[in-house]
């Protein structure tokens, strides 16, 4: 995370897989560090307007077995 902030990367998305679910976390640069802006767990959508408008369905990213 510190390297992204030092490089002045404005937004970053972290994908956290956990067995059959995924948690999505969107971080935004605030001064010299990233802060969590939005989070979506299983069955939820992560929606953001920046850095461009998008919506991600966390459940759709999980591979069905």
N, C-alpha and C. Protein backbone atom coordinates (compact mmCIF):
# COMPACT_ATOMS: atom_id res chain seq x y z
N UNK A 1 0.81 -1.18 0.00
CA UNK A 1 0.00 0.00 0.00
C UNK A 1 0.86 1.25 0.00
N UNK A 2 1.90 1.26 0.75
CA UNK A 2 2.75 2.44 0.84
C UNK A 2 3.39 2.77 -0.51
N UNK A 3 3.74 1.74 -1.28
CA UNK A 3 4.33 1.98 -2.60
C UNK A 3 3.33 2.64 -3.55
N UNK A 4 2.07 2.23 -3.47
CA UNK A 4 1.03 2.84 -4.32
C UNK A 4 0.84 4.31 -3.95
N UNK A 5 0.82 4.60 -2.68
CA UNK A 5 0.67 5.99 -2.22
C UNK A 5 1.88 6.81 -2.63
N UNK A 6 3.08 6.26 -2.48
CA UNK A 6 4.29 6.99 -2.85
C UNK A 6 4.32 7.28 -4.35
N UNK A 7 3.73 6.37 -5.14
CA UNK A 7 3.67 6.57 -6.59
C UNK A 7 2.50 7.47 -6.99
N UNK A 8 1.73 7.94 -6.00
CA UNK A 8 0.59 8.84 -6.22
C UNK A 8 -0.51 8.19 -7.06
N UNK A 9 -0.70 6.88 -6.88
CA UNK A 9 -1.78 6.17 -7.56
C UNK A 9 -3.07 6.55 -6.85
N UNK A 10 -4.00 7.15 -7.59
CA UNK A 10 -5.20 7.74 -7.00
C UNK A 10 -6.18 6.75 -6.42
N UNK A 11 -6.38 5.61 -7.07
CA UNK A 11 -7.33 4.60 -6.59
C UNK A 11 -6.71 3.22 -6.77
N UNK A 12 -7.08 2.32 -5.90
CA UNK A 12 -6.65 0.94 -6.06
C UNK A 12 -7.75 0.02 -5.55
N UNK A 13 -7.87 -1.14 -6.15
CA UNK A 13 -8.88 -2.12 -5.79
C UNK A 13 -8.19 -3.35 -5.24
N UNK A 14 -8.59 -3.77 -4.06
CA UNK A 14 -8.04 -4.99 -3.47
C UNK A 14 -9.12 -6.06 -3.50
N UNK A 15 -8.76 -7.23 -4.00
CA UNK A 15 -9.66 -8.38 -4.07
C UNK A 15 -9.17 -9.39 -3.05
N UNK A 16 -10.05 -9.74 -2.10
CA UNK A 16 -9.69 -10.66 -1.03
C UNK A 16 -10.52 -11.94 -1.15
N UNK A 17 -9.95 -12.99 -1.75
CA UNK A 17 -10.68 -14.25 -1.85
C UNK A 17 -10.67 -15.00 -0.52
N UNK A 18 -11.79 -15.68 -0.22
CA UNK A 18 -11.90 -16.48 0.99
C UNK A 18 -12.82 -17.66 0.70
N UNK A 19 -12.25 -18.79 0.36
CA UNK A 19 -12.98 -19.99 -0.04
C UNK A 19 -13.96 -19.72 -1.16
N UNK A 20 -15.25 -19.63 -0.87
CA UNK A 20 -16.26 -19.46 -1.91
C UNK A 20 -16.80 -18.04 -2.00
N UNK A 21 -16.12 -17.08 -1.39
CA UNK A 21 -16.58 -15.69 -1.44
C UNK A 21 -15.40 -14.78 -1.78
N UNK A 22 -15.74 -13.56 -2.12
CA UNK A 22 -14.73 -12.54 -2.39
C UNK A 22 -15.19 -11.24 -1.75
N UNK A 23 -14.25 -10.52 -1.17
CA UNK A 23 -14.52 -9.17 -0.67
C UNK A 23 -13.72 -8.20 -1.54
N UNK A 24 -14.39 -7.16 -1.99
CA UNK A 24 -13.76 -6.12 -2.80
C UNK A 24 -13.62 -4.86 -1.96
N UNK A 25 -12.45 -4.25 -1.98
CA UNK A 25 -12.21 -3.01 -1.24
C UNK A 25 -11.60 -1.98 -2.17
N UNK A 26 -12.23 -0.82 -2.23
CA UNK A 26 -11.73 0.27 -3.05
C UNK A 26 -11.09 1.31 -2.13
N UNK A 27 -9.85 1.65 -2.43
CA UNK A 27 -9.11 2.63 -1.65
C UNK A 27 -8.83 3.84 -2.52
N UNK A 28 -8.84 5.02 -1.90
CA UNK A 28 -8.51 6.27 -2.60
C UNK A 28 -7.37 6.96 -1.88
N UNK A 29 -6.57 7.64 -2.66
CA UNK A 29 -5.43 8.37 -2.12
C UNK A 29 -5.94 9.62 -1.40
N UNK A 30 -5.51 9.77 -0.16
CA UNK A 30 -5.84 10.96 0.62
C UNK A 30 -4.53 11.46 1.21
N UNK A 31 -4.07 12.58 0.68
CA UNK A 31 -2.78 13.16 1.05
C UNK A 31 -1.67 12.17 0.72
N UNK A 32 -1.07 11.51 1.73
CA UNK A 32 0.06 10.62 1.47
C UNK A 32 -0.24 9.15 1.78
N UNK A 33 -1.53 8.80 1.90
CA UNK A 33 -1.89 7.40 2.18
C UNK A 33 -3.26 7.09 1.57
N UNK A 34 -3.56 5.81 1.46
CA UNK A 34 -4.85 5.38 0.93
C UNK A 34 -5.82 5.12 2.08
N UNK A 35 -7.07 5.52 1.87
CA UNK A 35 -8.13 5.23 2.83
C UNK A 35 -9.21 4.42 2.12
N UNK A 36 -9.88 3.56 2.88
CA UNK A 36 -10.93 2.74 2.29
C UNK A 36 -12.12 3.61 1.95
N UNK A 37 -12.56 3.51 0.71
CA UNK A 37 -13.67 4.33 0.24
C UNK A 37 -14.96 3.51 0.16
N UNK A 38 -14.86 2.25 -0.27
CA UNK A 38 -16.04 1.40 -0.42
C UNK A 38 -15.64 -0.06 -0.24
N UNK A 39 -16.61 -0.88 0.19
CA UNK A 39 -16.37 -2.31 0.36
C UNK A 39 -17.63 -3.06 -0.07
N UNK A 40 -17.44 -4.23 -0.67
CA UNK A 40 -18.56 -5.09 -1.06
C UNK A 40 -18.19 -6.53 -0.78
N UNK A 41 -19.08 -7.21 -0.10
CA UNK A 41 -18.89 -8.63 0.18
C UNK A 41 -19.76 -9.48 -0.73
N UNK A 42 -19.86 -10.76 -0.41
CA UNK A 42 -20.63 -11.71 -1.21
C UNK A 42 -22.08 -11.23 -1.34
N UNK A 43 -22.56 -11.22 -2.58
CA UNK A 43 -23.93 -10.79 -2.83
C UNK A 43 -24.11 -9.28 -2.92
N UNK A 44 -23.01 -8.54 -2.84
CA UNK A 44 -23.08 -7.08 -2.91
C UNK A 44 -22.35 -6.60 -4.16
N UNK A 45 -22.62 -5.35 -4.51
CA UNK A 45 -21.94 -4.72 -5.65
C UNK A 45 -21.09 -3.56 -5.16
N UNK A 46 -19.91 -3.47 -5.71
CA UNK A 46 -19.05 -2.33 -5.44
C UNK A 46 -19.30 -1.33 -6.57
N UNK A 47 -19.76 -0.13 -6.21
CA UNK A 47 -20.11 0.89 -7.20
C UNK A 47 -19.25 2.12 -6.91
N UNK A 48 -18.67 2.68 -7.96
CA UNK A 48 -17.85 3.88 -7.81
C UNK A 48 -17.95 4.74 -9.06
N UNK A 49 -17.76 6.03 -8.87
CA UNK A 49 -17.77 6.97 -9.99
C UNK A 49 -16.37 7.33 -10.45
N UNK A 50 -15.38 7.08 -9.60
CA UNK A 50 -13.99 7.40 -9.92
C UNK A 50 -13.11 6.18 -9.71
N UNK A 51 -12.08 5.97 -10.45
CA UNK A 51 -11.50 6.86 -11.46
C UNK A 51 -12.32 6.90 -12.74
N UNK A 52 -13.29 6.00 -12.88
CA UNK A 52 -14.27 6.00 -13.97
C UNK A 52 -15.48 5.25 -13.42
N UNK A 53 -16.67 5.50 -13.95
CA UNK A 53 -17.86 4.82 -13.42
C UNK A 53 -17.78 3.31 -13.63
N UNK A 54 -18.01 2.54 -12.58
CA UNK A 54 -18.04 1.08 -12.70
C UNK A 54 -18.84 0.47 -11.56
N UNK A 55 -19.25 -0.77 -11.78
CA UNK A 55 -19.93 -1.56 -10.75
C UNK A 55 -19.45 -2.99 -10.90
N UNK A 56 -19.04 -3.59 -9.79
CA UNK A 56 -18.57 -4.97 -9.77
C UNK A 56 -19.42 -5.79 -8.81
N UNK A 57 -19.90 -6.92 -9.28
CA UNK A 57 -20.67 -7.84 -8.45
C UNK A 57 -19.68 -8.85 -7.86
N UNK A 58 -19.49 -8.80 -6.55
CA UNK A 58 -18.50 -9.68 -5.91
C UNK A 58 -18.80 -11.16 -6.15
N UNK A 59 -20.05 -11.55 -6.10
CA UNK A 59 -20.40 -12.96 -6.27
C UNK A 59 -20.10 -13.45 -7.69
N UNK A 60 -20.19 -12.56 -8.68
CA UNK A 60 -19.93 -12.95 -10.07
C UNK A 60 -18.46 -13.26 -10.32
N UNK A 61 -17.59 -12.85 -9.43
CA UNK A 61 -16.16 -13.09 -9.60
C UNK A 61 -15.70 -14.42 -9.01
N UNK A 62 -16.60 -15.13 -8.35
CA UNK A 62 -16.26 -16.41 -7.72
C UNK A 62 -16.51 -17.53 -8.73
N UNK A 63 -15.52 -18.39 -8.89
CA UNK A 63 -15.65 -19.52 -9.82
C UNK A 63 -16.60 -20.55 -9.21
N UNK A 64 -17.55 -20.97 -10.00
CA UNK A 64 -18.49 -22.01 -9.57
C UNK A 64 -17.83 -23.36 -9.73
N UNK A 65 -18.02 -24.24 -8.76
CA UNK A 65 -17.43 -25.59 -8.84
C UNK A 65 -18.47 -26.62 -9.14
